Amino acid sequence: MDWYLNVLKNYFGFGGRARRKEYWMFVLVNIIFTFVLGILDRMLGWERAGGEGILTTIYGVLVFIPWWAVQFRRLHDTDRSAWWLLVLLIPIVGWLVIIIFNCQNGTQGSNRFGPDPKQLS
């Protein structure tokens, strides 16, 4: 949970680097929260016409910027520019490329985006 809260504390932090653990723990907690909120939406009858829940939608809007920020920092950790996120516009293949980048080790030591976050902790 600390990894998740650290990402939220760095809400608009698009610079620097993010470890794999920070990124994937944030994603995991988001999946769990979205699942729980989806259940609450169904229980309370707060679903919109398209089937999306109101609580789930509000949560998604609130974590959109921190998710992009941690995604930028994760790419920086692998010594890639955030411009690589444009490959997400390519259906399926682009998403797979970004997932592969997110699974890779970060560059050891400092790179052009800052010091190694593993050495800082």
PDB file of N, CA and C in Angstrom:
ATOM      1  N   MET A   1       0.824  -1.196   0.000  1.00  0.00           N
ATOM      2  CA  MET A   1       0.000   0.000   0.000  1.00  0.00           C
ATOM      3  C   MET A   1       0.868   1.260   0.000  1.00  0.00           C
ATOM      4  N   ASP A   2       2.063   1.168   0.577  1.00  0.00           N
ATOM      5  CA  ASP A   2       2.953   2.335   0.595  1.00  0.00           C
ATOM      6  C   ASP A   2       3.330   2.764  -0.812  1.00  0.00           C
ATOM      7  N   TRP A   3       3.543   1.786  -1.704  1.00  0.00           N
ATOM      8  CA  TRP A   3       3.900   2.113  -3.089  1.00  0.00           C
ATOM      9  C   TRP A   3       2.773   2.883  -3.753  1.00  0.00           C
ATOM     10  N   TYR A   4       1.543   2.463  -3.505  1.00  0.00           N
ATOM     11  CA  TYR A   4       0.367   3.121  -4.070  1.00  0.00           C
ATOM     12  C   TYR A   4       0.269   4.557  -3.558  1.00  0.00           C
ATOM     13  N   LEU A   5       0.422   4.726  -2.252  1.00  0.00           N
ATOM     14  CA  LEU A   5       0.326   6.055  -1.659  1.00  0.00           C
ATOM     15  C   LEU A   5       1.467   6.968  -2.127  1.00  0.00           C
ATOM     16  N   ASN A   6       2.652   6.401  -2.336  1.00  0.00           N
ATOM     17  CA  ASN A   6       3.770   7.210  -2.842  1.00  0.00           C
ATOM     18  C   ASN A   6       3.476   7.755  -4.230  1.00  0.00           C
ATOM     19  N   VAL A   7       2.814   6.957  -5.058  1.00  0.00           N
ATOM     20  CA  VAL A   7       2.447   7.440  -6.399  1.00  0.00           C
ATOM     21  C   VAL A   7       1.420   8.557  -6.272  1.00  0.00           C
ATOM     22  N   LEU A   8       0.446   8.402  -5.385  1.00  0.00           N
ATOM     23  CA  LEU A   8      -0.558   9.450  -5.213  1.00  0.00           C
ATOM     24  C   LEU A   8       0.037  10.729  -4.632  1.00  0.00           C
ATOM     25  N   LYS A   9       1.020  10.595  -3.739  1.00  0.00           N
ATOM     26  CA  LYS A   9       1.685  11.783  -3.193  1.00  0.00           C
ATOM     27  C   LYS A   9       2.434  12.539  -4.275  1.00  0.00           C
ATOM     28  N   ASN A  10       2.906  11.811  -5.274  1.00  0.00           N
ATOM     29  CA  ASN A  10       3.642  12.401  -6.398  1.00  0.00           C
ATOM     30  C   ASN A  10       2.680  12.564  -7.579  1.00  0.00           C
ATOM     31  N   TYR A  11       1.500  13.127  -7.317  1.00  0.00           N
ATOM     32  CA  TYR A  11       0.373  13.185  -8.245  1.00  0.00           C
ATOM     33  C   TYR A  11       0.757  13.723  -9.622  1.00  0.00           C
ATOM     34  N   PHE A  12       1.457  14.841  -9.646  1.00  0.00           N
ATOM     35  CA  PHE A  12       1.842  15.463 -10.921  1.00  0.00           C
ATOM     36  C   PHE A  12       3.326  15.277 -11.217  1.00  0.00           C
ATOM     37  N   GLY A  13       3.973  14.269 -10.621  1.00  0.00           N
ATOM     38  CA  GLY A  13       5.405  14.072 -10.796  1.00  0.00           C
ATOM     39  C   GLY A  13       5.724  13.277 -12.057  1.00  0.00           C
ATOM     40  N   PHE A  14       5.905  13.982 -13.160  1.00  0.00           N
ATOM     41  CA  PHE A  14       6.198  13.320 -14.431  1.00  0.00           C
ATOM     42  C   PHE A  14       7.695  13.153 -14.661  1.00  0.00           C
ATOM     43  N   GLY A  15       8.517  13.766 -13.836  1.00  0.00           N
ATOM     44  CA  GLY A  15       9.960  13.655 -13.986  1.00  0.00           C
ATOM     45  C   GLY A  15      10.531  12.614 -13.043  1.00  0.00           C
ATOM     46  N   GLY A  16      11.725  12.169 -13.346  1.00  0.00           N
ATOM     47  CA  GLY A  16      12.387  11.181 -12.498  1.00  0.00           C
ATOM     48  C   GLY A  16      12.133   9.768 -12.985  1.00  0.00           C
ATOM     49  N   ARG A  17      12.327   8.820 -12.073  1.00  0.00           N
ATOM     50  CA  ARG A  17      12.249   7.408 -12.424  1.00  0.00           C
ATOM     51  C   ARG A  17      11.380   6.658 -11.426  1.00  0.00           C
ATOM     52  N   ALA A  18      10.757   5.578 -11.885  1.00  0.00           N
ATOM     53  CA  ALA A  18       9.933   4.729 -11.019  1.00  0.00           C
ATOM     54  C   ALA A  18      10.350   3.276 -11.202  1.00  0.00           C
ATOM     55  N   ARG A  19      10.586   2.601 -10.111  1.00  0.00           N
ATOM     56  CA  ARG A  19      10.945   1.176 -10.149  1.00  0.00           C
ATOM     57  C   ARG A  19       9.773   0.345 -10.660  1.00  0.00           C
ATOM     58  N   ARG A  20      10.092  -0.870 -11.095  1.00  0.00           N
ATOM     59  CA  ARG A  20       9.045  -1.805 -11.505  1.00  0.00           C
ATOM     60  C   ARG A  20       8.059  -2.040 -10.381  1.00  0.00           C
ATOM     61  N   LYS A  21       8.595  -2.226  -9.181  1.00  0.00           N
ATOM     62  CA  LYS A  21       7.737  -2.530  -8.034  1.00  0.00           C
ATOM     63  C   LYS A  21       6.734  -1.404  -7.786  1.00  0.00           C
ATOM     64  N   GLU A  22       7.204  -0.169  -7.867  1.00  0.00           N
ATOM     65  CA  GLU A  22       6.311   0.972  -7.663  1.00  0.00           C
ATOM     66  C   GLU A  22       5.193   0.964  -8.700  1.00  0.00           C
ATOM     67  N   TYR A  23       5.547   0.751  -9.948  1.00  0.00           N
ATOM     68  CA  TYR A  23       4.556   0.759 -11.027  1.00  0.00           C
ATOM     69  C   TYR A  23       3.555  -0.386 -10.871  1.00  0.00           C
ATOM     70  N   TRP A  24       4.061  -1.609 -10.714  1.00  0.00           N
ATOM     71  CA  TRP A  24       3.170  -2.761 -10.689  1.00  0.00           C
ATOM     72  C   TRP A  24       2.331  -2.830  -9.419  1.00  0.00           C
ATOM     73  N   MET A  25       2.854  -2.350  -8.297  1.00  0.00           N
ATOM     74  CA  MET A  25       2.036  -2.307  -7.086  1.00  0.00           C
ATOM     75  C   MET A  25       0.909  -1.288  -7.245  1.00  0.00           C
ATOM     76  N   PHE A  26       1.200  -0.172  -7.892  1.00  0.00           N
ATOM     77  CA  PHE A  26       0.160   0.824  -8.180  1.00  0.00           C
ATOM     78  C   PHE A  26      -0.920   0.208  -9.078  1.00  0.00           C
ATOM     79  N   VAL A  27      -0.513  -0.515 -10.108  1.00  0.00           N
ATOM     80  CA  VAL A  27      -1.468  -1.152 -11.015  1.00  0.00           C
ATOM     81  C   VAL A  27      -2.299  -2.195 -10.260  1.00  0.00           C
ATOM     82  N   LEU A  28      -1.654  -3.014  -9.440  1.00  0.00           N
ATOM     83  CA  LEU A  28      -2.360  -4.048  -8.684  1.00  0.00           C
ATOM     84  C   LEU A  28      -3.415  -3.440  -7.755  1.00  0.00           C
ATOM     85  N   VAL A  29      -3.041  -2.417  -7.006  1.00  0.00           N
ATOM     86  CA  VAL A  29      -3.991  -1.788  -6.085  1.00  0.00           C
ATOM     87  C   VAL A  29      -5.128  -1.140  -6.868  1.00  0.00           C
ATOM     88  N   ASN A  30      -4.824  -0.547  -8.030  1.00  0.00           N
ATOM     89  CA  ASN A  30      -5.886   0.026  -8.866  1.00  0.00           C
ATOM     90  C   ASN A  30      -6.871  -1.036  -9.324  1.00  0.00           C
ATOM     91  N   ILE A  31      -6.375  -2.184  -9.710  1.00  0.00           N
ATOM     92  CA  ILE A  31      -7.257  -3.273 -10.147  1.00  0.00           C
ATOM     93  C   ILE A  31      -8.151  -3.718  -8.999  1.00  0.00           C
ATOM     94  N   ILE A  32      -7.570  -3.864  -7.820  1.00  0.00           N
ATOM     95  CA  ILE A  32      -8.354  -4.292  -6.650  1.00  0.00           C
ATOM     96  C   ILE A  32      -9.411  -3.250  -6.303  1.00  0.00           C
ATOM     97  N   PHE A  33      -9.023  -1.965  -6.247  1.00  0.00           N
ATOM     98  CA  PHE A  33      -9.985  -0.901  -5.930  1.00  0.00           C
ATOM     99  C   PHE A  33     -11.099  -0.835  -6.974  1.00  0.00           C
ATOM    100  N   THR A  34     -10.747  -0.957  -8.238  1.00  0.00           N
ATOM    101  CA  THR A  34     -11.752  -0.904  -9.303  1.00  0.00           C
ATOM    102  C   THR A  34     -12.730  -2.064  -9.175  1.00  0.00           C
ATOM    103  N   PHE A  35     -12.216  -3.247  -8.868  1.00  0.00           N
ATOM    104  CA  PHE A  35     -13.074  -4.420  -8.682  1.00  0.00           C
ATOM    105  C   PHE A  35     -14.038  -4.208  -7.513  1.00  0.00           C
ATOM    106  N   VAL A  36     -13.515  -3.745  -6.374  1.00  0.00           N
ATOM    107  CA  VAL A  36     -14.346  -3.519  -5.184  1.00  0.00           C
ATOM    108  C   VAL A  36     -15.380  -2.431  -5.447  1.00  0.00           C
ATOM    109  N   LEU A  37     -14.959  -1.349  -6.098  1.00  0.00           N
ATOM    110  CA  LEU A  37     -15.908  -0.269  -6.406  1.00  0.00           C
ATOM    111  C   LEU A  37     -16.970  -0.733  -7.404  1.00  0.00           C
ATOM    112  N   GLY A  38     -16.588  -1.600  -8.334  1.00  0.00           N
ATOM    113  CA  GLY A  38     -17.562  -2.147  -9.272  1.00  0.00           C
ATOM    114  C   GLY A  38     -18.625  -2.968  -8.558  1.00  0.00           C
ATOM    115  N   ILE A  39     -18.206  -3.743  -7.576  1.00  0.00           N
ATOM    116  CA  ILE A  39     -19.159  -4.525  -6.780  1.00  0.00           C
ATOM    117  C   ILE A  39     -20.079  -3.589  -6.000  1.00  0.00           C
ATOM    118  N   LEU A  40     -19.502  -2.551  -5.388  1.00  0.00           N
ATOM    119  CA  LEU A  40     -20.315  -1.570  -4.655  1.00  0.00           C
ATOM    120  C   LEU A  40     -21.320  -0.881  -5.573  1.00  0.00           C
ATOM    121  N   ASP A  41     -20.868  -0.518  -6.774  1.00  0.00           N
ATOM    122  CA  ASP A  41     -21.780   0.105  -7.733  1.00  0.00           C
ATOM    123  C   ASP A  41     -22.967  -0.797  -8.047  1.00  0.00           C
ATOM    124  N   ARG A  42     -22.705  -2.078  -8.241  1.00  0.00           N
ATOM    125  CA  ARG A  42     -23.791  -3.023  -8.538  1.00  0.00           C
ATOM    126  C   ARG A  42     -24.716  -3.187  -7.338  1.00  0.00           C
ATOM    127  N   MET A  43     -24.123  -3.293  -6.138  1.00  0.00           N
ATOM    128  CA  MET A  43     -24.933  -3.476  -4.934  1.00  0.00           C
ATOM    129  C   MET A  43     -25.837  -2.269  -4.673  1.00  0.00           C
ATOM    130  N   LEU A  44     -25.308  -1.072  -4.927  1.00  0.00           N
ATOM    131  CA  LEU A  44     -26.066   0.147  -4.669  1.00  0.00           C
ATOM    132  C   LEU A  44     -26.948   0.550  -5.846  1.00  0.00           C
ATOM    133  N   GLY A  45     -26.788  -0.134  -6.977  1.00  0.00           N
ATOM    134  CA  GLY A  45     -27.574   0.203  -8.166  1.00  0.00           C
ATOM    135  C   GLY A  45     -27.111   1.492  -8.825  1.00  0.00           C
ATOM    136  N   TRP A  46     -25.834   1.803  -8.683  1.00  0.00           N
ATOM    137  CA  TRP A  46     -25.296   3.051  -9.224  1.00  0.00           C
ATOM    138  C   TRP A  46     -24.609   2.850 -10.565  1.00  0.00           C
ATOM    139  N   GLU A  47     -25.202   2.045 -11.421  1.00  0.00           N
ATOM    140  CA  GLU A  47     -24.629   1.829 -12.745  1.00  0.00           C
ATOM    141  C   GLU A  47     -25.320   2.746 -13.744  1.00  0.00           C
ATOM    142  N   ARG A  48     -24.530   3.246 -14.686  1.00  0.00           N
ATOM    143  CA  ARG A  48     -25.083   4.085 -15.741  1.00  0.00           C
ATOM    144  C   ARG A  48     -25.581   3.194 -16.870  1.00  0.00           C
ATOM    145  N   ALA A  49     -26.143   3.802 -17.904  1.00  0.00           N
ATOM    146  CA  ALA A  49     -26.753   3.057 -19.010  1.00  0.00           C
ATOM    147  C   ALA A  49     -25.770   2.099 -19.680  1.00  0.00           C
ATOM    148  N   GLY A  50     -24.502   2.492 -19.804  1.00  0.00           N
ATOM    149  CA  GLY A  50     -23.514   1.646 -20.459  1.00  0.00           C
ATOM    150  C   GLY A  50     -22.977   0.536 -19.574  1.00  0.00           C
ATOM    151  N   GLY A  51     -23.393   0.489 -18.324  1.00  0.00           N
ATOM    152  CA  GLY A  51     -22.942  -0.540 -17.401  1.00  0.00           C
ATOM    153  C   GLY A  51     -21.792  -0.098 -16.507  1.00  0.00           C
ATOM    154  N   GLU A  52     -21.254   1.114 -16.756  1.00  0.00           N
ATOM    155  CA  GLU A  52     -20.170   1.608 -15.901  1.00  0.00           C
ATOM    156  C   GLU A  52     -20.766   2.103 -14.586  1.00  0.00           C
ATOM    157  N   GLY A  53     -20.053   1.842 -13.527  1.00  0.00           N
ATOM    158  CA  GLY A  53     -20.504   2.303 -12.227  1.00  0.00           C
ATOM    159  C   GLY A  53     -20.056   3.723 -11.950  1.00  0.00           C
ATOM    160  N   ILE A  54     -20.827   4.442 -11.185  1.00  0.00           N
ATOM    161  CA  ILE A  54     -20.516   5.832 -10.877  1.00  0.00           C
ATOM    162  C   ILE A  54     -19.248   5.926 -10.027  1.00  0.00           C
ATOM    163  N   LEU A  55     -19.140   5.101  -8.971  1.00  0.00           N
ATOM    164  CA  LEU A  55     -17.950   5.144  -8.117  1.00  0.00           C
ATOM    165  C   LEU A  55     -16.697   4.744  -8.900  1.00  0.00           C
ATOM    166  N   THR A  56     -16.833   3.730  -9.744  1.00  0.00           N
ATOM    167  CA  THR A  56     -15.709   3.269 -10.554  1.00  0.00           C
ATOM    168  C   THR A  56     -15.258   4.362 -11.513  1.00  0.00           C
ATOM    169  N   THR A  57     -16.195   5.062 -12.107  1.00  0.00           N
ATOM    170  CA  THR A  57     -15.862   6.144 -13.036  1.00  0.00           C
ATOM    171  C   THR A  57     -15.163   7.290 -12.319  1.00  0.00           C
ATOM    172  N   ILE A  58     -15.677   7.678 -11.163  1.00  0.00           N
ATOM    173  CA  ILE A  58     -15.054   8.763 -10.389  1.00  0.00           C
ATOM    174  C   ILE A  58     -13.630   8.377  -9.992  1.00  0.00           C
ATOM    175  N   TYR A  59     -13.458   7.140  -9.532  1.00  0.00           N
ATOM    176  CA  TYR A  59     -12.124   6.673  -9.151  1.00  0.00           C
ATOM    177  C   TYR A  59     -11.184   6.690 -10.357  1.00  0.00           C
ATOM    178  N   GLY A  60     -11.664   6.234 -11.492  1.00  0.00           N
ATOM    179  CA  GLY A  60     -10.848   6.227 -12.709  1.00  0.00           C
ATOM    180  C   GLY A  60     -10.395   7.614 -13.110  1.00  0.00           C
ATOM    181  N   VAL A  61     -11.273   8.583 -12.992  1.00  0.00           N
ATOM    182  CA  VAL A  61     -10.915   9.970 -13.320  1.00  0.00           C
ATOM    183  C   VAL A  61      -9.869  10.498 -12.338  1.00  0.00           C
ATOM    184  N   LEU A  62     -10.027  10.170 -11.060  1.00  0.00           N
ATOM    185  CA  LEU A  62      -9.098  10.678 -10.044  1.00  0.00           C
ATOM    186  C   LEU A  62      -7.690  10.090 -10.158  1.00  0.00           C
ATOM    187  N   VAL A  63      -7.566   8.855 -10.594  1.00  0.00           N
ATOM    188  CA  VAL A  63      -6.237   8.232 -10.671  1.00  0.00           C
ATOM    189  C   VAL A  63      -5.633   8.293 -12.076  1.00  0.00           C
ATOM    190  N   PHE A  64      -6.314   8.936 -13.012  1.00  0.00           N
ATOM    191  CA  PHE A  64      -5.807   9.003 -14.380  1.00  0.00           C
ATOM    192  C   PHE A  64      -4.458   9.710 -14.462  1.00  0.00           C
ATOM    193  N   ILE A  65      -4.344  10.880 -13.853  1.00  0.00           N
ATOM    194  CA  ILE A  65      -3.085  11.641 -13.918  1.00  0.00           C
ATOM    195  C   ILE A  65      -1.957  10.926 -13.182  1.00  0.00           C
ATOM    196  N   PRO A  66      -2.176  10.416 -11.952  1.00  0.00           N
ATOM    197  CA  PRO A  66      -1.070   9.689 -11.308  1.00  0.00           C
ATOM    198  C   PRO A  66      -0.649   8.449 -12.088  1.00  0.00           C
ATOM    199  N   TRP A  67      -1.600   7.782 -12.759  1.00  0.00           N
ATOM    200  CA  TRP A  67      -1.230   6.617 -13.555  1.00  0.00           C
ATOM    201  C   TRP A  67      -0.336   7.026 -14.715  1.00  0.00           C
ATOM    202  N   TRP A  68      -0.666   8.115 -15.390  1.00  0.00           N
ATOM    203  CA  TRP A  68       0.193   8.591 -16.484  1.00  0.00           C
ATOM    204  C   TRP A  68       1.552   9.016 -15.946  1.00  0.00           C
ATOM    205  N   ALA A  69       1.564   9.683 -14.807  1.00  0.00           N
ATOM    206  CA  ALA A  69       2.831  10.141 -14.237  1.00  0.00           C
ATOM    207  C   ALA A  69       3.737   8.961 -13.897  1.00  0.00           C
ATOM    208  N   VAL A  70       3.196   7.922 -13.265  1.00  0.00           N
ATOM    209  CA  VAL A  70       4.029   6.769 -12.915  1.00  0.00           C
ATOM    210  C   VAL A  70       4.436   6.007 -14.174  1.00  0.00           C
ATOM    211  N   GLN A  71       3.590   6.037 -15.209  1.00  0.00           N
ATOM    212  CA  GLN A  71       3.956   5.403 -16.478  1.00  0.00           C
ATOM    213  C   GLN A  71       5.124   6.154 -17.129  1.00  0.00           C
ATOM    214  N   PHE A  72       5.097   7.477 -17.098  1.00  0.00           N
ATOM    215  CA  PHE A  72       6.216   8.283 -17.607  1.00  0.00           C
ATOM    216  C   PHE A  72       7.495   7.919 -16.866  1.00  0.00           C
ATOM    217  N   ARG A  73       7.413   7.911 -15.529  1.00  0.00           N
ATOM    218  CA  ARG A  73       8.601   7.629 -14.717  1.00  0.00           C
ATOM    219  C   ARG A  73       9.104   6.206 -14.936  1.00  0.00           C
ATOM    220  N   ARG A  74       8.188   5.270 -15.182  1.00  0.00           N
ATOM    221  CA  ARG A  74       8.605   3.885 -15.440  1.00  0.00           C
ATOM    222  C   ARG A  74       9.392   3.800 -16.749  1.00  0.00           C
ATOM    223  N   LEU A  75       8.935   4.490 -17.777  1.00  0.00           N
ATOM    224  CA  LEU A  75       9.682   4.520 -19.033  1.00  0.00           C
ATOM    225  C   LEU A  75      11.029   5.204 -18.842  1.00  0.00           C
ATOM    226  N   HIS A  76      11.053   6.253 -18.042  1.00  0.00           N
ATOM    227  CA  HIS A  76      12.323   6.932 -17.752  1.00  0.00           C
ATOM    228  C   HIS A  76      13.311   5.983 -17.078  1.00  0.00           C
ATOM    229  N   ASP A  77      12.808   5.090 -16.232  1.00  0.00           N
ATOM    230  CA  ASP A  77      13.688   4.151 -15.540  1.00  0.00           C
ATOM    231  C   ASP A  77      14.362   3.194 -16.520  1.00  0.00           C
ATOM    232  N   THR A  78      13.694   2.915 -17.622  1.00  0.00           N
ATOM    233  CA  THR A  78      14.293   2.051 -18.649  1.00  0.00           C
ATOM    234  C   THR A  78      15.024   2.884 -19.701  1.00  0.00           C
ATOM    235  N   ASP A  79      15.280   4.150 -19.388  1.00  0.00           N
ATOM    236  CA  ASP A  79      16.008   5.096 -20.250  1.00  0.00           C
ATOM    237  C   ASP A  79      15.287   5.324 -21.575  1.00  0.00           C
ATOM    238  N   ARG A  80      13.965   5.406 -21.496  1.00  0.00           N
ATOM    239  CA  ARG A  80      13.156   5.709 -22.671  1.00  0.00           C
ATOM    240  C   ARG A  80      12.364   6.984 -22.406  1.00  0.00           C
ATOM    241  N   SER A  81      12.164   7.733 -23.441  1.00  0.00           N
ATOM    242  CA  SER A  81      11.362   8.942 -23.353  1.00  0.00           C
ATOM    243  C   SER A  81       9.886   8.560 -23.228  1.00  0.00           C
ATOM    244  N   ALA A  82       9.109   9.442 -22.649  1.00  0.00           N
ATOM    245  CA  ALA A  82       7.675   9.196 -22.534  1.00  0.00           C
ATOM    246  C   ALA A  82       6.991   9.244 -23.898  1.00  0.00           C
ATOM    247  N   TRP A  83       7.673   9.724 -24.906  1.00  0.00           N
ATOM    248  CA  TRP A  83       7.124   9.718 -26.266  1.00  0.00           C
ATOM    249  C   TRP A  83       6.817   8.294 -26.727  1.00  0.00           C
ATOM    250  N   TRP A  84       7.445   7.308 -26.102  1.00  0.00           N
ATOM    251  CA  TRP A  84       7.169   5.917 -26.440  1.00  0.00           C
ATOM    252  C   TRP A  84       5.704   5.566 -26.192  1.00  0.00           C
ATOM    253  N   LEU A  85       5.023   6.334 -25.362  1.00  0.00           N
ATOM    254  CA  LEU A  85       3.617   6.050 -25.090  1.00  0.00           C
ATOM    255  C   LEU A  85       2.745   6.226 -26.328  1.00  0.00           C
ATOM    256  N   LEU A  86       3.266   6.887 -27.339  1.00  0.00           N
ATOM    257  CA  LEU A  86       2.513   7.022 -28.586  1.00  0.00           C
ATOM    258  C   LEU A  86       2.283   5.673 -29.260  1.00  0.00           C
ATOM    259  N   VAL A  87       3.098   4.673 -28.943  1.00  0.00           N
ATOM    260  CA  VAL A  87       2.862   3.346 -29.529  1.00  0.00           C
ATOM    261  C   VAL A  87       1.554   2.736 -29.019  1.00  0.00           C
ATOM    262  N   LEU A  88       0.996   3.306 -27.942  1.00  0.00           N
ATOM    263  CA  LEU A  88      -0.304   2.827 -27.461  1.00  0.00           C
ATOM    264  C   LEU A  88      -1.402   3.067 -28.494  1.00  0.00           C
ATOM    265  N   LEU A  89      -1.152   3.945 -29.442  1.00  0.00           N
ATOM    266  CA  LEU A  89      -2.127   4.207 -30.498  1.00  0.00           C
ATOM    267  C   LEU A  89      -2.218   3.049 -31.492  1.00  0.00           C
ATOM    268  N   ILE A  90      -1.236   2.166 -31.464  1.00  0.00           N
ATOM    269  CA  ILE A  90      -1.250   0.990 -32.327  1.00  0.00           C
ATOM    270  C   ILE A  90      -2.002  -0.113 -31.570  1.00  0.00           C
ATOM    271  N   PRO A  91      -3.130  -0.560 -32.107  1.00  0.00           N
ATOM    272  CA  PRO A  91      -3.914  -1.568 -31.388  1.00  0.00           C
ATOM    273  C   PRO A  91      -3.108  -2.839 -31.107  1.00  0.00           C
ATOM    274  N   ILE A  92      -3.287  -3.385 -29.962  1.00  0.00           N
ATOM    275  CA  ILE A  92      -2.720  -4.634 -29.444  1.00  0.00           C
ATOM    276  C   ILE A  92      -1.192  -4.609 -29.391  1.00  0.00           C
ATOM    277  N   VAL A  93      -0.535  -4.414 -30.529  1.00  0.00           N
ATOM    278  CA  VAL A  93       0.926  -4.445 -30.579  1.00  0.00           C
ATOM    279  C   VAL A  93       1.519  -3.336 -29.705  1.00  0.00           C
ATOM    280  N   GLY A  94       0.964  -2.146 -29.780  1.00  0.00           N
ATOM    281  CA  GLY A  94       1.462  -1.038 -28.975  1.00  0.00           C
ATOM    282  C   GLY A  94       1.348  -1.311 -27.490  1.00  0.00           C
ATOM    283  N   TRP A  95       0.219  -1.882 -27.089  1.00  0.00           N
ATOM    284  CA  TRP A  95       0.027  -2.218 -25.673  1.00  0.00           C
ATOM    285  C   TRP A  95       1.022  -3.272 -25.223  1.00  0.00           C
ATOM    286  N   LEU A  96       1.260  -4.259 -26.077  1.00  0.00           N
ATOM    287  CA  LEU A  96       2.230  -5.300 -25.728  1.00  0.00           C
ATOM    288  C   LEU A  96       3.631  -4.728 -25.581  1.00  0.00           C
ATOM    289  N   VAL A  97       3.996  -3.798 -26.446  1.00  0.00           N
ATOM    290  CA  VAL A  97       5.315  -3.166 -26.364  1.00  0.00           C
ATOM    291  C   VAL A  97       5.469  -2.439 -25.033  1.00  0.00           C
ATOM    292  N   ILE A  98       4.468  -1.679 -24.636  1.00  0.00           N
ATOM    293  CA  ILE A  98       4.539  -0.935 -23.369  1.00  0.00           C
ATOM    294  C   ILE A  98       4.575  -1.898 -22.187  1.00  0.00           C
ATOM    295  N   ILE A  99       3.815  -2.972 -22.228  1.00  0.00           N
ATOM    296  CA  ILE A  99       3.850  -3.962 -21.145  1.00  0.00           C
ATOM    297  C   ILE A  99       5.243  -4.569 -21.042  1.00  0.00           C
ATOM    298  N   ILE A 100       5.851  -4.881 -22.164  1.00  0.00           N
ATOM    299  CA  ILE A 100       7.210  -5.436 -22.150  1.00  0.00           C
ATOM    300  C   ILE A 100       8.185  -4.429 -21.550  1.00  0.00           C
ATOM    301  N   PHE A 101       8.070  -3.162 -21.941  1.00  0.00           N
ATOM    302  CA  PHE A 101       8.941  -2.123 -21.372  1.00  0.00           C
ATOM    303  C   PHE A 101       8.752  -2.034 -19.860  1.00  0.00           C
ATOM    304  N   ASN A 102       7.503  -2.137 -19.398  1.00  0.00           N
ATOM    305  CA  ASN A 102       7.222  -2.036 -17.965  1.00  0.00           C
ATOM    306  C   ASN A 102       7.746  -3.230 -17.177  1.00  0.00           C
ATOM    307  N   CYS A 103       7.957  -4.342 -17.853  1.00  0.00           N
ATOM    308  CA  CYS A 103       8.473  -5.538 -17.187  1.00  0.00           C
ATOM    309  C   CYS A 103       9.996  -5.593 -17.151  1.00  0.00           C
ATOM    310  N   GLN A 104      10.648  -4.755 -17.919  1.00  0.00           N
ATOM    311  CA  GLN A 104      12.108  -4.779 -17.980  1.00  0.00           C
ATOM    312  C   GLN A 104      12.730  -4.111 -16.763  1.00  0.00           C
ATOM    313  N   ASN A 105      13.954  -4.556 -16.449  1.00  0.00           N
ATOM    314  CA  ASN A 105      14.733  -3.883 -15.409  1.00  0.00           C
ATOM    315  C   ASN A 105      15.026  -2.454 -15.827  1.00  0.00           C
ATOM    316  N   GLY A 106      15.125  -1.581 -14.844  1.00  0.00           N
ATOM    317  CA  GLY A 106      15.566  -0.230 -15.129  1.00  0.00           C
ATOM    318  C   GLY A 106      17.069  -0.215 -15.364  1.00  0.00           C
ATOM    319  N   THR A 107      17.553   0.856 -15.954  1.00  0.00           N
ATOM    320  CA  THR A 107      18.993   0.964 -16.163  1.00  0.00           C
ATOM    321  C   THR A 107      19.680   1.116 -14.811  1.00  0.00           C
ATOM    322  N   GLN A 108      20.788   0.418 -14.646  1.00  0.00           N
ATOM    323  CA  GLN A 108      21.515   0.505 -13.387  1.00  0.00           C
ATOM    324  C   GLN A 108      22.285   1.819 -13.339  1.00  0.00           C
ATOM    325  N   GLY A 109      22.300   2.399 -12.157  1.00  0.00           N
ATOM    326  CA  GLY A 109      22.979   3.673 -11.990  1.00  0.00           C
ATOM    327  C   GLY A 109      22.145   4.804 -12.564  1.00  0.00           C
ATOM    328  N   SER A 110      22.734   5.969 -12.597  1.00  0.00           N
ATOM    329  CA  SER A 110      22.037   7.148 -13.107  1.00  0.00           C
ATOM    330  C   SER A 110      21.883   7.069 -14.617  1.00  0.00           C
ATOM    331  N   ASN A 111      20.813   7.640 -15.102  1.00  0.00           N
ATOM    332  CA  ASN A 111      20.648   7.828 -16.529  1.00  0.00           C
ATOM    333  C   ASN A 111      20.204   9.268 -16.761  1.00  0.00           C
ATOM    334  N   ARG A 112      19.814   9.622 -17.969  1.00  0.00           N
ATOM    335  CA  ARG A 112      19.502  11.012 -18.280  1.00  0.00           C
ATOM    336  C   ARG A 112      18.276  11.528 -17.552  1.00  0.00           C
ATOM    337  N   PHE A 113      17.510  10.631 -16.912  1.00  0.00           N
ATOM    338  CA  PHE A 113      16.298  11.033 -16.203  1.00  0.00           C
ATOM    339  C   PHE A 113      16.475  11.106 -14.689  1.00  0.00           C
ATOM    340  N   GLY A 114      17.659  10.736 -14.196  1.00  0.00           N
ATOM    341  CA  GLY A 114      17.896  10.856 -12.768  1.00  0.00           C
ATOM    342  C   GLY A 114      18.625   9.659 -12.197  1.00  0.00           C
ATOM    343  N   PRO A 115      18.779   9.677 -10.878  1.00  0.00           N
ATOM    344  CA  PRO A 115      19.486   8.577 -10.201  1.00  0.00           C
ATOM    345  C   PRO A 115      18.644   7.311 -10.157  1.00  0.00           C
ATOM    346  N   ASP A 116      19.306   6.198  -9.952  1.00  0.00           N
ATOM    347  CA  ASP A 116      18.663   4.883  -9.883  1.00  0.00           C
ATOM    348  C   ASP A 116      17.787   4.839  -8.617  1.00  0.00           C
ATOM    349  N   PRO A 117      16.466   4.614  -8.743  1.00  0.00           N
ATOM    350  CA  PRO A 117      15.628   4.569  -7.554  1.00  0.00           C
ATOM    351  C   PRO A 117      15.930   3.400  -6.630  1.00  0.00           C
ATOM    352  N   LYS A 118      16.529   2.334  -7.148  1.00  0.00           N
ATOM    353  CA  LYS A 118      16.888   1.198  -6.286  1.00  0.00           C
ATOM    354  C   LYS A 118      18.019   1.573  -5.339  1.00  0.00           C
ATOM    355  N   GLN A 119      18.921   2.433  -5.800  1.00  0.00           N
ATOM    356  CA  GLN A 119      20.035   2.846  -4.960  1.00  0.00           C
ATOM    357  C   GLN A 119      19.596   3.879  -3.922  1.00  0.00           C
ATOM    358  N   LEU A 120      18.515   4.587  -4.199  1.00  0.00           N
ATOM    359  CA  LEU A 120      18.015   5.600  -3.268  1.00  0.00           C
ATOM    360  C   LEU A 120      17.292   4.992  -2.087  1.00  0.00           C
ATOM    361  N   SER A 121      16.693   3.806  -2.275  1.00  0.00           N
ATOM    362  CA  SER A 121      15.916   3.221  -1.175  1.00  0.00           C
ATOM    363  C   SER A 121      16.724   2.288  -0.327  1.00  0.00           C
TER     364      SER A 121
END
